[in-house]
Amino acid sequence: MARAIYGYKRSYPWMLQRAAELGIKPEIDPEDPIMSMADNAAALCWTLALRAGLARHEVYSIFVKEPDTFVWAIASSDPMEDKLPTMPCDLNTQKLKEVVGTGEEPKWWRASW
């Protein structure tokens, strides 16, 4: 069974735009743009989590099967996952919604592994 993650799915260009809106300048290494993308997604995720009052371990940026797309995840369907709970917390969901800047509810998405 494939692992599902619960959160907001966003594109990397959206992440760069959101970072700019918040005054965060992502670092891009022309020698390794893929690693830069992963590092920037994680850094922005943690920055927004802290601004929302979430701890760094309460939300993760996890890439999904679509190109340049990730989910800011607050839960995972994998009971062996040691980072995320299997059920989302209502308070964390509300905090993440505010930081992402959306009125939509988070959803379950299929992870890339």
PDB file of N, CA and C in Angstrom:
ATOM      1  N   MET A   1       0.838  -1.176   0.000  1.00  0.00           N
ATOM      2  CA  MET A   1       0.000   0.000   0.000  1.00  0.00           C
ATOM      3  C   MET A   1       0.888   1.246   0.000  1.00  0.00           C
ATOM      4  N   ALA A   2       0.565   2.188  -0.843  1.00  0.00           N
ATOM      5  CA  ALA A   2       1.332   3.426  -0.927  1.00  0.00           C
ATOM      6  C   ALA A   2       1.006   4.333   0.257  1.00  0.00           C
ATOM      7  N   ARG A   3       1.994   5.036   0.690  1.00  0.00           N
ATOM      8  CA  ARG A   3       1.815   5.962   1.806  1.00  0.00           C
ATOM      9  C   ARG A   3       1.052   7.194   1.329  1.00  0.00           C
ATOM     10  N   ALA A   4       0.126   7.655   2.134  1.00  0.00           N
ATOM     11  CA  ALA A   4      -0.592   8.900   1.863  1.00  0.00           C
ATOM     12  C   ALA A   4      -0.180   9.917   2.919  1.00  0.00           C
ATOM     13  N   ILE A   5      -0.132  11.168   2.504  1.00  0.00           N
ATOM     14  CA  ILE A   5       0.206  12.244   3.425  1.00  0.00           C
ATOM     15  C   ILE A   5      -0.896  13.294   3.376  1.00  0.00           C
ATOM     16  N   TYR A   6      -1.127  13.934   4.504  1.00  0.00           N
ATOM     17  CA  TYR A   6      -2.225  14.885   4.654  1.00  0.00           C
ATOM     18  C   TYR A   6      -1.671  16.295   4.768  1.00  0.00           C
ATOM     19  N   GLY A   7      -2.132  17.166   3.887  1.00  0.00           N
ATOM     20  CA  GLY A   7      -1.674  18.549   3.936  1.00  0.00           C
ATOM     21  C   GLY A   7      -2.067  19.296   2.680  1.00  0.00           C
ATOM     22  N   TYR A   8      -1.281  20.320   2.361  1.00  0.00           N
ATOM     23  CA  TYR A   8      -1.539  21.168   1.201  1.00  0.00           C
ATOM     24  C   TYR A   8      -0.521  20.891   0.114  1.00  0.00           C
ATOM     25  N   LYS A   9      -1.018  20.582  -1.074  1.00  0.00           N
ATOM     26  CA  LYS A   9      -0.143  20.338  -2.224  1.00  0.00           C
ATOM     27  C   LYS A   9       0.108  21.671  -2.920  1.00  0.00           C
ATOM     28  N   ARG A  10       1.370  21.957  -3.169  1.00  0.00           N
ATOM     29  CA  ARG A  10       1.753  23.204  -3.811  1.00  0.00           C
ATOM     30  C   ARG A  10       2.895  22.952  -4.793  1.00  0.00           C
ATOM     31  N   SER A  11       3.018  23.834  -5.787  1.00  0.00           N
ATOM     32  CA  SER A  11       4.104  23.737  -6.760  1.00  0.00           C
ATOM     33  C   SER A  11       5.321  24.508  -6.247  1.00  0.00           C
ATOM     34  N   TYR A  12       6.473  24.167  -6.792  1.00  0.00           N
ATOM     35  CA  TYR A  12       7.691  24.878  -6.408  1.00  0.00           C
ATOM     36  C   TYR A  12       7.610  26.356  -6.795  1.00  0.00           C
ATOM     37  N   PRO A  13       7.100  26.718  -8.001  1.00  0.00           N
ATOM     38  CA  PRO A  13       6.950  28.147  -8.311  1.00  0.00           C
ATOM     39  C   PRO A  13       6.040  28.872  -7.306  1.00  0.00           C
ATOM     40  N   TRP A  14       4.984  28.199  -6.846  1.00  0.00           N
ATOM     41  CA  TRP A  14       4.121  28.814  -5.831  1.00  0.00           C
ATOM     42  C   TRP A  14       4.927  29.071  -4.565  1.00  0.00           C
ATOM     43  N   MET A  15       5.767  28.093  -4.194  1.00  0.00           N
ATOM     44  CA  MET A  15       6.575  28.242  -2.998  1.00  0.00           C
ATOM     45  C   MET A  15       7.512  29.436  -3.108  1.00  0.00           C
ATOM     46  N   LEU A  16       8.135  29.615  -4.277  1.00  0.00           N
ATOM     47  CA  LEU A  16       9.033  30.751  -4.471  1.00  0.00           C
ATOM     48  C   LEU A  16       8.270  32.071  -4.366  1.00  0.00           C
ATOM     49  N   GLN A  17       7.058  32.111  -4.928  1.00  0.00           N
ATOM     50  CA  GLN A  17       6.226  33.311  -4.852  1.00  0.00           C
ATOM     51  C   GLN A  17       5.842  33.608  -3.405  1.00  0.00           C
ATOM     52  N   ARG A  18       5.435  32.591  -2.674  1.00  0.00           N
ATOM     53  CA  ARG A  18       5.040  32.773  -1.271  1.00  0.00           C
ATOM     54  C   ARG A  18       6.241  33.243  -0.446  1.00  0.00           C
ATOM     55  N   ALA A  19       7.409  32.693  -0.718  1.00  0.00           N
ATOM     56  CA  ALA A  19       8.623  33.117  -0.017  1.00  0.00           C
ATOM     57  C   ALA A  19       8.891  34.597  -0.277  1.00  0.00           C
ATOM     58  N   ALA A  20       8.758  35.028  -1.540  1.00  0.00           N
ATOM     59  CA  ALA A  20       8.982  36.435  -1.886  1.00  0.00           C
ATOM     60  C   ALA A  20       7.990  37.341  -1.162  1.00  0.00           C
ATOM     61  N   GLU A  21       6.726  36.909  -1.082  1.00  0.00           N
ATOM     62  CA  GLU A  21       5.703  37.695  -0.381  1.00  0.00           C
ATOM     63  C   GLU A  21       6.067  37.898   1.084  1.00  0.00           C
ATOM     64  N   LEU A  22       6.756  36.925   1.658  1.00  0.00           N
ATOM     65  CA  LEU A  22       7.121  36.978   3.069  1.00  0.00           C
ATOM     66  C   LEU A  22       8.526  37.535   3.301  1.00  0.00           C
ATOM     67  N   GLY A  23       9.179  37.965   2.220  1.00  0.00           N
ATOM     68  CA  GLY A  23      10.509  38.536   2.348  1.00  0.00           C
ATOM     69  C   GLY A  23      11.610  37.517   2.546  1.00  0.00           C
ATOM     70  N   ILE A  24      11.365  36.280   2.137  1.00  0.00           N
ATOM     71  CA  ILE A  24      12.358  35.214   2.266  1.00  0.00           C
ATOM     72  C   ILE A  24      13.006  35.004   0.904  1.00  0.00           C
ATOM     73  N   LYS A  25      14.335  35.096   0.838  1.00  0.00           N
ATOM     74  CA  LYS A  25      15.032  34.918  -0.430  1.00  0.00           C
ATOM     75  C   LYS A  25      15.631  33.515  -0.488  1.00  0.00           C
ATOM     76  N   PRO A  26      15.052  32.645  -1.319  1.00  0.00           N
ATOM     77  CA  PRO A  26      15.594  31.287  -1.448  1.00  0.00           C
ATOM     78  C   PRO A  26      16.981  31.302  -2.089  1.00  0.00           C
ATOM     79  N   GLU A  27      17.795  30.354  -1.698  1.00  0.00           N
ATOM     80  CA  GLU A  27      19.114  30.200  -2.297  1.00  0.00           C
ATOM     81  C   GLU A  27      19.034  29.122  -3.366  1.00  0.00           C
ATOM     82  N   ILE A  28      19.558  29.430  -4.553  1.00  0.00           N
ATOM     83  CA  ILE A  28      19.529  28.462  -5.647  1.00  0.00           C
ATOM     84  C   ILE A  28      20.958  28.210  -6.103  1.00  0.00           C
ATOM     85  N   ASP A  29      21.378  26.957  -6.019  1.00  0.00           N
ATOM     86  CA  ASP A  29      22.710  26.549  -6.444  1.00  0.00           C
ATOM     87  C   ASP A  29      22.615  26.075  -7.891  1.00  0.00           C
ATOM     88  N   PRO A  30      23.188  26.823  -8.848  1.00  0.00           N
ATOM     89  CA  PRO A  30      23.093  26.415 -10.254  1.00  0.00           C
ATOM     90  C   PRO A  30      23.750  25.066 -10.531  1.00  0.00           C
ATOM     91  N   GLU A  31      24.657  24.641  -9.659  1.00  0.00           N
ATOM     92  CA  GLU A  31      25.329  23.356  -9.828  1.00  0.00           C
ATOM     93  C   GLU A  31      24.440  22.187  -9.418  1.00  0.00           C
ATOM     94  N   ASP A  32      23.470  22.457  -8.545  1.00  0.00           N
ATOM     95  CA  ASP A  32      22.595  21.392  -8.048  1.00  0.00           C
ATOM     96  C   ASP A  32      21.184  21.943  -7.802  1.00  0.00           C
ATOM     97  N   PRO A  33      20.459  22.253  -8.888  1.00  0.00           N
ATOM     98  CA  PRO A  33      19.134  22.873  -8.726  1.00  0.00           C
ATOM     99  C   PRO A  33      18.113  21.965  -8.041  1.00  0.00           C
ATOM    100  N   ILE A  34      18.241  20.648  -8.200  1.00  0.00           N
ATOM    101  CA  ILE A  34      17.289  19.729  -7.568  1.00  0.00           C
ATOM    102  C   ILE A  34      17.439  19.782  -6.047  1.00  0.00           C
ATOM    103  N   MET A  35      18.675  19.746  -5.569  1.00  0.00           N
ATOM    104  CA  MET A  35      18.893  19.827  -4.129  1.00  0.00           C
ATOM    105  C   MET A  35      18.481  21.195  -3.606  1.00  0.00           C
ATOM    106  N   SER A  36      18.719  22.244  -4.385  1.00  0.00           N
ATOM    107  CA  SER A  36      18.281  23.583  -3.988  1.00  0.00           C
ATOM    108  C   SER A  36      16.773  23.611  -3.810  1.00  0.00           C
ATOM    109  N   MET A  37      16.055  22.959  -4.722  1.00  0.00           N
ATOM    110  CA  MET A  37      14.602  22.921  -4.649  1.00  0.00           C
ATOM    111  C   MET A  37      14.151  22.252  -3.350  1.00  0.00           C
ATOM    112  N   ALA A  38      14.734  21.114  -3.041  1.00  0.00           N
ATOM    113  CA  ALA A  38      14.362  20.396  -1.815  1.00  0.00           C
ATOM    114  C   ALA A  38      14.723  21.208  -0.575  1.00  0.00           C
ATOM    115  N   ASP A  39      15.910  21.809  -0.575  1.00  0.00           N
ATOM    116  CA  ASP A  39      16.333  22.621   0.569  1.00  0.00           C
ATOM    117  C   ASP A  39      15.425  23.828   0.758  1.00  0.00           C
ATOM    118  N   ASN A  40      15.074  24.498  -0.341  1.00  0.00           N
ATOM    119  CA  ASN A  40      14.211  25.674  -0.254  1.00  0.00           C
ATOM    120  C   ASN A  40      12.810  25.306   0.212  1.00  0.00           C
ATOM    121  N   ALA A  41      12.281  24.192  -0.278  1.00  0.00           N
ATOM    122  CA  ALA A  41      10.942  23.752   0.140  1.00  0.00           C
ATOM    123  C   ALA A  41      10.938  23.470   1.639  1.00  0.00           C
ATOM    124  N   ALA A  42      11.972  22.798   2.125  1.00  0.00           N
ATOM    125  CA  ALA A  42      12.054  22.488   3.554  1.00  0.00           C
ATOM    126  C   ALA A  42      12.238  23.758   4.381  1.00  0.00           C
ATOM    127  N   ALA A  43      13.108  24.656   3.933  1.00  0.00           N
ATOM    128  CA  ALA A  43      13.361  25.890   4.686  1.00  0.00           C
ATOM    129  C   ALA A  43      12.112  26.757   4.778  1.00  0.00           C
ATOM    130  N   LEU A  44      11.397  26.907   3.667  1.00  0.00           N
ATOM    131  CA  LEU A  44      10.178  27.718   3.701  1.00  0.00           C
ATOM    132  C   LEU A  44       9.114  27.042   4.554  1.00  0.00           C
ATOM    133  N   CYS A  45       9.018  25.740   4.440  1.00  0.00           N
ATOM    134  CA  CYS A  45       8.058  24.987   5.246  1.00  0.00           C
ATOM    135  C   CYS A  45       8.307  25.246   6.728  1.00  0.00           C
ATOM    136  N   TRP A  46       9.546  25.149   7.152  1.00  0.00           N
ATOM    137  CA  TRP A  46       9.871  25.351   8.565  1.00  0.00           C
ATOM    138  C   TRP A  46       9.660  26.802   8.978  1.00  0.00           C
ATOM    139  N   THR A  47      10.017  27.744   8.101  1.00  0.00           N
ATOM    140  CA  THR A  47       9.815  29.161   8.413  1.00  0.00           C
ATOM    141  C   THR A  47       8.336  29.454   8.620  1.00  0.00           C
ATOM    142  N   LEU A  48       7.505  28.953   7.712  1.00  0.00           N
ATOM    143  CA  LEU A  48       6.065  29.178   7.837  1.00  0.00           C
ATOM    144  C   LEU A  48       5.498  28.454   9.052  1.00  0.00           C
ATOM    145  N   ALA A  49       6.009  27.269   9.325  1.00  0.00           N
ATOM    146  CA  ALA A  49       5.545  26.526  10.499  1.00  0.00           C
ATOM    147  C   ALA A  49       5.818  27.321  11.773  1.00  0.00           C
ATOM    148  N   LEU A  50       7.011  27.870  11.878  1.00  0.00           N
ATOM    149  CA  LEU A  50       7.354  28.659  13.062  1.00  0.00           C
ATOM    150  C   LEU A  50       6.479  29.898  13.171  1.00  0.00           C
ATOM    151  N   ARG A  51       6.204  30.551  12.037  1.00  0.00           N
ATOM    152  CA  ARG A  51       5.332  31.731  12.049  1.00  0.00           C
ATOM    153  C   ARG A  51       3.909  31.370  12.461  1.00  0.00           C
ATOM    154  N   ALA A  52       3.511  30.140  12.200  1.00  0.00           N
ATOM    155  CA  ALA A  52       2.159  29.689  12.555  1.00  0.00           C
ATOM    156  C   ALA A  52       2.095  29.144  13.976  1.00  0.00           C
ATOM    157  N   GLY A  53       3.242  29.063  14.639  1.00  0.00           N
ATOM    158  CA  GLY A  53       3.256  28.513  15.985  1.00  0.00           C
ATOM    159  C   GLY A  53       3.362  27.000  16.009  1.00  0.00           C
ATOM    160  N   LEU A  54       3.747  26.408  14.877  1.00  0.00           N
ATOM    161  CA  LEU A  54       3.971  24.964  14.809  1.00  0.00           C
ATOM    162  C   LEU A  54       5.457  24.692  15.017  1.00  0.00           C
ATOM    163  N   ALA A  55       5.768  23.590  15.646  1.00  0.00           N
ATOM    164  CA  ALA A  55       7.163  23.194  15.800  1.00  0.00           C
ATOM    165  C   ALA A  55       7.670  22.621  14.478  1.00  0.00           C
ATOM    166  N   ARG A  56       8.991  22.638  14.281  1.00  0.00           N
ATOM    167  CA  ARG A  56       9.572  22.138  13.032  1.00  0.00           C
ATOM    168  C   ARG A  56       9.185  20.692  12.764  1.00  0.00           C
ATOM    169  N   HIS A  57       8.978  19.914  13.819  1.00  0.00           N
ATOM    170  CA  HIS A  57       8.661  18.497  13.630  1.00  0.00           C
ATOM    171  C   HIS A  57       7.167  18.262  13.385  1.00  0.00           C
ATOM    172  N   GLU A  58       6.346  19.306  13.359  1.00  0.00           N
ATOM    173  CA  GLU A  58       4.906  19.128  13.171  1.00  0.00           C
ATOM    174  C   GLU A  58       4.461  19.272  11.722  1.00  0.00           C
ATOM    175  N   VAL A  59       5.341  19.731  10.846  1.00  0.00           N
ATOM    176  CA  VAL A  59       5.000  19.872   9.433  1.00  0.00           C
ATOM    177  C   VAL A  59       6.258  19.622   8.603  1.00  0.00           C
ATOM    178  N   TYR A  60       6.090  18.880   7.512  1.00  0.00           N
ATOM    179  CA  TYR A  60       7.211  18.534   6.634  1.00  0.00           C
ATOM    180  C   TYR A  60       6.840  18.797   5.187  1.00  0.00           C
ATOM    181  N   SER A  61       7.831  19.186   4.386  1.00  0.00           N
ATOM    182  CA  SER A  61       7.614  19.284   2.942  1.00  0.00           C
ATOM    183  C   SER A  61       8.022  17.944   2.339  1.00  0.00           C
ATOM    184  N   ILE A  62       7.072  17.295   1.678  1.00  0.00           N
ATOM    185  CA  ILE A  62       7.296  15.971   1.101  1.00  0.00           C
ATOM    186  C   ILE A  62       6.921  16.028  -0.371  1.00  0.00           C
ATOM    187  N   PHE A  63       7.846  15.643  -1.239  1.00  0.00           N
ATOM    188  CA  PHE A  63       7.571  15.682  -2.671  1.00  0.00           C
ATOM    189  C   PHE A  63       6.633  14.547  -3.065  1.00  0.00           C
ATOM    190  N   VAL A  64       5.777  14.838  -4.028  1.00  0.00           N
ATOM    191  CA  VAL A  64       4.824  13.860  -4.544  1.00  0.00           C
ATOM    192  C   VAL A  64       5.186  13.544  -5.991  1.00  0.00           C
ATOM    193  N   LYS A  65       4.408  12.682  -6.638  1.00  0.00           N
ATOM    194  CA  LYS A  65       4.762  12.172  -7.963  1.00  0.00           C
ATOM    195  C   LYS A  65       4.734  13.220  -9.071  1.00  0.00           C
ATOM    196  N   GLU A  66       4.010  14.294  -8.895  1.00  0.00           N
ATOM    197  CA  GLU A  66       3.965  15.337  -9.916  1.00  0.00           C
ATOM    198  C   GLU A  66       5.279  16.114  -9.911  1.00  0.00           C
ATOM    199  N   PRO A  67       5.763  16.526 -11.087  1.00  0.00           N
ATOM    200  CA  PRO A  67       7.033  17.259 -11.139  1.00  0.00           C
ATOM    201  C   PRO A  67       6.957  18.584 -10.372  1.00  0.00           C
ATOM    202  N   ASP A  68       8.022  18.904  -9.663  1.00  0.00           N
ATOM    203  CA  ASP A  68       8.144  20.177  -8.941  1.00  0.00           C
ATOM    204  C   ASP A  68       6.965  20.451  -8.015  1.00  0.00           C
ATOM    205  N   THR A  69       6.439  19.411  -7.392  1.00  0.00           N
ATOM    206  CA  THR A  69       5.271  19.554  -6.525  1.00  0.00           C
ATOM    207  C   THR A  69       5.536  18.857  -5.199  1.00  0.00           C
ATOM    208  N   PHE A  70       5.112  19.495  -4.132  1.00  0.00           N
ATOM    209  CA  PHE A  70       5.299  18.929  -2.807  1.00  0.00           C
ATOM    210  C   PHE A  70       4.043  19.160  -1.983  1.00  0.00           C
ATOM    211  N   VAL A  71       3.966  18.456  -0.860  1.00  0.00           N
ATOM    212  CA  VAL A  71       2.866  18.633   0.091  1.00  0.00           C
ATOM    213  C   VAL A  71       3.475  19.086   1.409  1.00  0.00           C
ATOM    214  N   TRP A  72       2.922  20.141   1.979  1.00  0.00           N
ATOM    215  CA  TRP A  72       3.258  20.487   3.351  1.00  0.00           C
ATOM    216  C   TRP A  72       2.398  19.593   4.201  1.00  0.00           C
ATOM    217  N   ALA A  73       2.992  18.565   4.748  1.00  0.00           N
ATOM    218  CA  ALA A  73       2.256  17.487   5.408  1.00  0.00           C
ATOM    219  C   ALA A  73       2.241  17.633   6.924  1.00  0.00           C
ATOM    220  N   ILE A  74       1.070  17.311   7.513  1.00  0.00           N
ATOM    221  CA  ILE A  74       0.932  17.314   8.971  1.00  0.00           C
ATOM    222  C   ILE A  74       0.464  15.957   9.491  1.00  0.00           C
ATOM    223  N   ALA A  75       0.283  14.981   8.573  1.00  0.00           N
ATOM    224  CA  ALA A  75      -0.077  13.618   8.978  1.00  0.00           C
ATOM    225  C   ALA A  75       0.327  12.656   7.865  1.00  0.00           C
ATOM    226  N   SER A  76       0.472  11.376   8.229  1.00  0.00           N
ATOM    227  CA  SER A  76       0.842  10.332   7.280  1.00  0.00           C
ATOM    228  C   SER A  76       0.032   9.079   7.584  1.00  0.00           C
ATOM    229  N   SER A  77      -0.320   8.330   6.542  1.00  0.00           N
ATOM    230  CA  SER A  77      -1.077   7.089   6.747  1.00  0.00           C
ATOM    231  C   SER A  77      -0.192   5.932   7.195  1.00  0.00           C
ATOM    232  N   ASP A  78       1.114   6.136   7.192  1.00  0.00           N
ATOM    233  CA  ASP A  78       2.063   5.084   7.550  1.00  0.00           C
ATOM    234  C   ASP A  78       2.262   5.044   9.068  1.00  0.00           C
ATOM    235  N   PRO A  79       1.794   3.977   9.742  1.00  0.00           N
ATOM    236  CA  PRO A  79       1.945   3.917  11.202  1.00  0.00           C
ATOM    237  C   PRO A  79       3.405   3.801  11.643  1.00  0.00           C
ATOM    238  N   MET A  80       4.289   3.447  10.722  1.00  0.00           N
ATOM    239  CA  MET A  80       5.710   3.346  11.054  1.00  0.00           C
ATOM    240  C   MET A  80       6.424   4.690  10.894  1.00  0.00           C
ATOM    241  N   GLU A  81       5.725   5.670  10.365  1.00  0.00           N
ATOM    242  CA  GLU A  81       6.291   7.010  10.187  1.00  0.00           C
ATOM    243  C   GLU A  81       6.569   7.595  11.567  1.00  0.00           C
ATOM    244  N   ASP A  82       7.819   7.921  11.832  1.00  0.00           N
ATOM    245  CA  ASP A  82       8.139   8.440  13.162  1.00  0.00           C
ATOM    246  C   ASP A  82       8.093   9.960  13.235  1.00  0.00           C
ATOM    247  N   LYS A  83       7.872  10.622  12.115  1.00  0.00           N
ATOM    248  CA  LYS A  83       7.864  12.079  12.102  1.00  0.00           C
ATOM    249  C   LYS A  83       6.468  12.668  12.221  1.00  0.00           C
ATOM    250  N   LEU A  84       5.496  12.020  11.633  1.00  0.00           N
ATOM    251  CA  LEU A  84       4.148  12.584  11.561  1.00  0.00           C
ATOM    252  C   LEU A  84       3.123  11.665  12.208  1.00  0.00           C
ATOM    253  N   PRO A  85       2.083  12.233  12.807  1.00  0.00           N
ATOM    254  CA  PRO A  85       1.011  11.397  13.352  1.00  0.00           C
ATOM    255  C   PRO A  85       0.175  10.791  12.224  1.00  0.00           C
ATOM    256  N   THR A  86      -0.600   9.756  12.526  1.00  0.00           N
ATOM    257  CA  THR A  86      -1.447   9.140  11.498  1.00  0.00           C
ATOM    258  C   THR A  86      -2.765   9.884  11.316  1.00  0.00           C
ATOM    259  N   MET A  87      -3.128  10.711  12.258  1.00  0.00           N
ATOM    260  CA  MET A  87      -4.335  11.539  12.134  1.00  0.00           C
ATOM    261  C   MET A  87      -3.957  12.999  12.366  1.00  0.00           C
ATOM    262  N   PRO A  88      -4.472  13.897  11.525  1.00  0.00           N
ATOM    263  CA  PRO A  88      -4.129  15.307  11.697  1.00  0.00           C
ATOM    264  C   PRO A  88      -4.797  15.910  12.931  1.00  0.00           C
ATOM    265  N   CYS A  89      -4.116  16.819  13.541  1.00  0.00           N
ATOM    266  CA  CYS A  89      -4.638  17.564  14.687  1.00  0.00           C
ATOM    267  C   CYS A  89      -5.393  18.789  14.156  1.00  0.00           C
ATOM    268  N   ASP A  90      -6.602  19.034  14.650  1.00  0.00           N
ATOM    269  CA  ASP A  90      -7.402  20.172  14.177  1.00  0.00           C
ATOM    270  C   ASP A  90      -6.672  21.501  14.350  1.00  0.00           C
ATOM    271  N   LEU A  91      -5.988  21.674  15.458  1.00  0.00           N
ATOM    272  CA  LEU A  91      -5.278  22.924  15.707  1.00  0.00           C
ATOM    273  C   LEU A  91      -4.152  23.114  14.694  1.00  0.00           C
ATOM    274  N   ASN A  92      -3.387  22.049  14.413  1.00  0.00           N
ATOM    275  CA  ASN A  92      -2.314  22.144  13.424  1.00  0.00           C
ATOM    276  C   ASN A  92      -2.878  22.404  12.036  1.00  0.00           C
ATOM    277  N   THR A  93      -4.011  21.793  11.717  1.00  0.00           N
ATOM    278  CA  THR A  93      -4.649  22.018  10.423  1.00  0.00           C
ATOM    279  C   THR A  93      -5.016  23.487  10.277  1.00  0.00           C
ATOM    280  N   GLN A  94      -5.609  24.073  11.289  1.00  0.00           N
ATOM    281  CA  GLN A  94      -6.007  25.480  11.244  1.00  0.00           C
ATOM    282  C   GLN A  94      -4.795  26.397  11.122  1.00  0.00           C
ATOM    283  N   LYS A  95      -3.750  26.111  11.875  1.00  0.00           N
ATOM    284  CA  LYS A  95      -2.536  26.927  11.821  1.00  0.00           C
ATOM    285  C   LYS A  95      -1.898  26.862  10.436  1.00  0.00           C
ATOM    286  N   LEU A  96      -1.820  25.654   9.870  1.00  0.00           N
ATOM    287  CA  LEU A  96      -1.218  25.497   8.550  1.00  0.00           C
ATOM    288  C   LEU A  96      -2.052  26.209   7.495  1.00  0.00           C
ATOM    289  N   LYS A  97      -3.366  26.115   7.591  1.00  0.00           N
ATOM    290  CA  LYS A  97      -4.261  26.780   6.642  1.00  0.00           C
ATOM    291  C   LYS A  97      -4.005  28.290   6.628  1.00  0.00           C
ATOM    292  N   GLU A  98      -3.836  28.876   7.793  1.00  0.00           N
ATOM    293  CA  GLU A  98      -3.589  30.315   7.893  1.00  0.00           C
ATOM    294  C   GLU A  98      -2.270  30.706   7.245  1.00  0.00           C
ATOM    295  N   VAL A  99      -1.238  29.927   7.478  1.00  0.00           N
ATOM    296  CA  VAL A  99       0.072  30.259   6.936  1.00  0.00           C
ATOM    297  C   VAL A  99       0.131  30.054   5.428  1.00  0.00           C
ATOM    298  N   VAL A 100      -0.535  29.008   4.950  1.00  0.00           N
ATOM    299  CA  VAL A 100      -0.557  28.770   3.509  1.00  0.00           C
ATOM    300  C   VAL A 100      -1.356  29.874   2.824  1.00  0.00           C
ATOM    301  N   GLY A 101      -2.286  30.465   3.554  1.00  0.00           N
ATOM    302  CA  GLY A 101      -3.070  31.567   3.006  1.00  0.00           C
ATOM    303  C   GLY A 101      -4.199  31.088   2.125  1.00  0.00           C
ATOM    304  N   THR A 102      -4.935  30.090   2.597  1.00  0.00           N
ATOM    305  CA  THR A 102      -6.010  29.522   1.800  1.00  0.00           C
ATOM    306  C   THR A 102      -7.226  29.270   2.672  1.00  0.00           C
ATOM    307  N   GLY A 103      -8.379  29.195   2.035  1.00  0.00           N
ATOM    308  CA  GLY A 103      -9.596  28.836   2.741  1.00  0.00           C
ATOM    309  C   GLY A 103      -9.936  27.370   2.560  1.00  0.00           C
ATOM    310  N   GLU A 104      -9.214  26.710   1.660  1.00  0.00           N
ATOM    311  CA  GLU A 104      -9.505  25.302   1.375  1.00  0.00           C
ATOM    312  C   GLU A 104      -8.995  24.403   2.496  1.00  0.00           C
ATOM    313  N   GLU A 105      -9.604  23.243   2.585  1.00  0.00           N
ATOM    314  CA  GLU A 105      -9.183  22.250   3.576  1.00  0.00           C
ATOM    315  C   GLU A 105      -8.021  21.435   3.013  1.00  0.00           C
ATOM    316  N   PRO A 106      -7.098  20.984   3.873  1.00  0.00           N
ATOM    317  CA  PRO A 106      -6.044  20.089   3.394  1.00  0.00           C
ATOM    318  C   PRO A 106      -6.652  18.747   2.985  1.00  0.00           C
ATOM    319  N   LYS A 107      -5.897  17.966   2.215  1.00  0.00           N
ATOM    320  CA  LYS A 107      -6.384  16.678   1.703  1.00  0.00           C
ATOM    321  C   LYS A 107      -5.305  15.615   1.878  1.00  0.00           C
ATOM    322  N   TRP A 108      -5.718  14.366   1.640  1.00  0.00           N
ATOM    323  CA  TRP A 108      -4.770  13.247   1.615  1.00  0.00           C
ATOM    324  C   TRP A 108      -4.215  13.130   0.201  1.00  0.00           C
ATOM    325  N   TRP A 109      -2.885  12.984   0.085  1.00  0.00           N
ATOM    326  CA  TRP A 109      -2.199  12.865  -1.200  1.00  0.00           C
ATOM    327  C   TRP A 109      -1.280  11.648  -1.154  1.00  0.00           C
ATOM    328  N   ARG A 110      -1.031  11.058  -2.300  1.00  0.00           N
ATOM    329  CA  ARG A 110      -0.109   9.922  -2.388  1.00  0.00           C
ATOM    330  C   ARG A 110       1.328  10.439  -2.419  1.00  0.00           C
ATOM    331  N   ALA A 111       2.152   9.926  -1.521  1.00  0.00           N
ATOM    332  CA  ALA A 111       3.565  10.318  -1.467  1.00  0.00           C
ATOM    333  C   ALA A 111       4.334   9.644  -2.597  1.00  0.00           C
ATOM    334  N   SER A 112       5.531  10.152  -2.876  1.00  0.00           N
ATOM    335  CA  SER A 112       6.307   9.610  -3.993  1.00  0.00           C
ATOM    336  C   SER A 112       7.087   8.360  -3.627  1.00  0.00           C
ATOM    337  N   TRP A 113       7.023   7.898  -2.388  1.00  0.00           N
ATOM    338  CA  TRP A 113       7.677   6.638  -2.006  1.00  0.00           C
ATOM    339  C   TRP A 113       6.827   5.885  -1.047  1.00  0.00           C
TER     340      TRP A 113
END
